[in-house]
Amino acid sequence: MLGLGTEHSYYYYLNSVDMRKGFNGLSGIVKEHMDQNQNTNVVYAFINKKKDKLKLLHWRVGGFVLYYKRLEKGIFELPEYNIEEGL
C-alpha cells in the first residue's frame, strides 16, 4: 500500500529529470530548486523528458520513500501550469 492520499500536498518539479537520480539527487532538487524541506505531508513529483517515467519522493518517519512508475505505452498527461495563475 502506497499510503498517499488527499491529506498530502503534491509538488511537481517543472523541469525534466534524469531518472537515474535516486534519494540523494531528488532530495537535493527539493532543497535547492523547490526551496522545500522534507515534510511528512508533502509528495514531490518528478518526470523525465519523454514523459513516460515518473518518480514520487515522500518523507515518512525515519526516511524517504521513492515510488517509480514506467509506462509501457503512452505518456503521462501533465497539468497545465501558468506561473502567474497557478494550476
Protein backbone atom coordinates (compact mmCIF):
# COMPACT_ATOMS: atom_id res chain seq x y z
CA MET A 1 0.00 0.00 0.00
CA LEU A 2 1.39 3.37 -1.01
CA GLY A 3 -0.11 5.42 1.78
CA LEU A 4 -0.60 8.56 -0.33
CA GLY A 5 -3.87 10.43 -0.47
CA THR A 6 -5.73 13.69 -0.32
CA GLU A 7 -4.22 14.62 3.04
CA HIS A 8 -0.90 15.20 1.25
CA SER A 9 0.22 18.24 -0.73
CA TYR A 10 1.77 17.46 -4.11
CA TYR A 11 4.53 19.48 -5.74
CA TYR A 12 5.54 18.92 -9.36
CA TYR A 13 9.04 19.84 -10.48
CA LEU A 14 8.53 21.69 -13.78
CA ASN A 15 11.82 20.66 -15.44
CA SER A 16 12.52 17.17 -16.76
CA VAL A 17 14.70 15.00 -14.51
CA ASP A 18 17.32 12.35 -15.21
CA MET A 19 15.61 9.21 -13.90
CA ARG A 20 18.96 7.81 -12.74
CA LYS A 21 18.64 10.18 -9.78
CA GLY A 22 17.79 8.45 -6.54
CA PHE A 23 17.07 9.57 -3.00
CA ASN A 24 20.03 11.94 -2.70
CA GLY A 25 19.70 13.53 -6.14
CA LEU A 26 15.96 14.11 -5.90
CA SER A 27 16.07 15.37 -2.31
CA GLY A 28 18.80 17.77 -3.45
CA ILE A 29 16.43 19.15 -6.10
CA VAL A 30 13.75 19.58 -3.44
CA LYS A 31 16.09 21.55 -1.19
CA GLU A 32 17.91 23.60 -3.85
CA HIS A 33 15.38 24.27 -6.59
CA MET A 34 12.00 23.85 -4.95
CA ASP A 35 13.00 25.69 -1.77
CA GLN A 36 11.45 22.97 0.38
CA ASN A 37 12.48 20.73 3.26
CA GLN A 38 11.26 17.22 3.94
CA ASN A 39 7.77 17.11 5.35
CA THR A 40 5.59 14.08 6.05
CA ASN A 41 2.57 15.64 4.34
CA VAL A 42 4.30 16.54 1.08
CA VAL A 43 4.94 14.44 -2.03
CA TYR A 44 7.31 15.65 -4.75
CA ALA A 45 6.75 14.52 -8.34
CA PHE A 46 9.48 14.28 -10.98
CA ILE A 47 9.12 13.26 -14.63
CA ASN A 48 11.59 12.51 -17.40
CA LYS A 49 11.88 14.34 -20.73
CA LYS A 50 9.94 11.68 -22.69
CA LYS A 51 7.15 11.84 -20.06
CA ASP A 52 6.96 8.06 -19.74
CA LYS A 53 8.62 7.77 -16.31
CA LEU A 54 7.53 9.29 -13.02
CA LYS A 55 9.12 9.30 -9.58
CA LEU A 56 7.43 10.40 -6.37
CA LEU A 57 9.56 11.30 -3.36
CA HIS A 58 7.87 11.24 0.02
CA TRP A 59 9.23 11.62 3.54
CA ARG A 60 7.94 9.10 6.06
CA VAL A 61 9.04 8.79 9.67
CA GLY A 62 12.65 7.65 9.56
CA GLY A 63 13.45 8.32 5.91
CA PHE A 64 12.46 8.90 2.31
CA VAL A 65 10.21 6.64 0.25
CA LEU A 66 10.67 6.64 -3.52
CA TYR A 67 7.93 5.44 -5.89
CA TYR A 68 8.79 4.80 -9.55
CA LYS A 69 6.36 4.27 -12.43
CA ARG A 70 7.32 3.48 -16.04
CA LEU A 71 4.59 3.42 -18.67
CA GLU A 72 4.77 0.64 -21.24
CA LYS A 73 2.74 2.74 -23.71
CA GLY A 74 1.84 6.41 -23.91
CA ILE A 75 2.91 9.33 -21.78
CA PHE A 76 1.81 10.98 -18.56
CA GLU A 77 -0.61 13.85 -19.07
CA LEU A 78 0.66 16.80 -17.09
CA PRO A 79 -1.47 19.60 -15.67
CA GLU A 80 -1.42 22.93 -17.48
CA TYR A 81 0.51 25.42 -15.39
CA ASN A 82 0.61 29.19 -15.61
CA ILE A 83 3.32 30.61 -13.34
CA GLU A 84 1.19 33.71 -12.67
CA GLU A 85 -2.09 31.92 -12.01
CA GLY A 86 -1.02 28.52 -10.71
CA LEU A 87 -2.79 25.28 -11.67
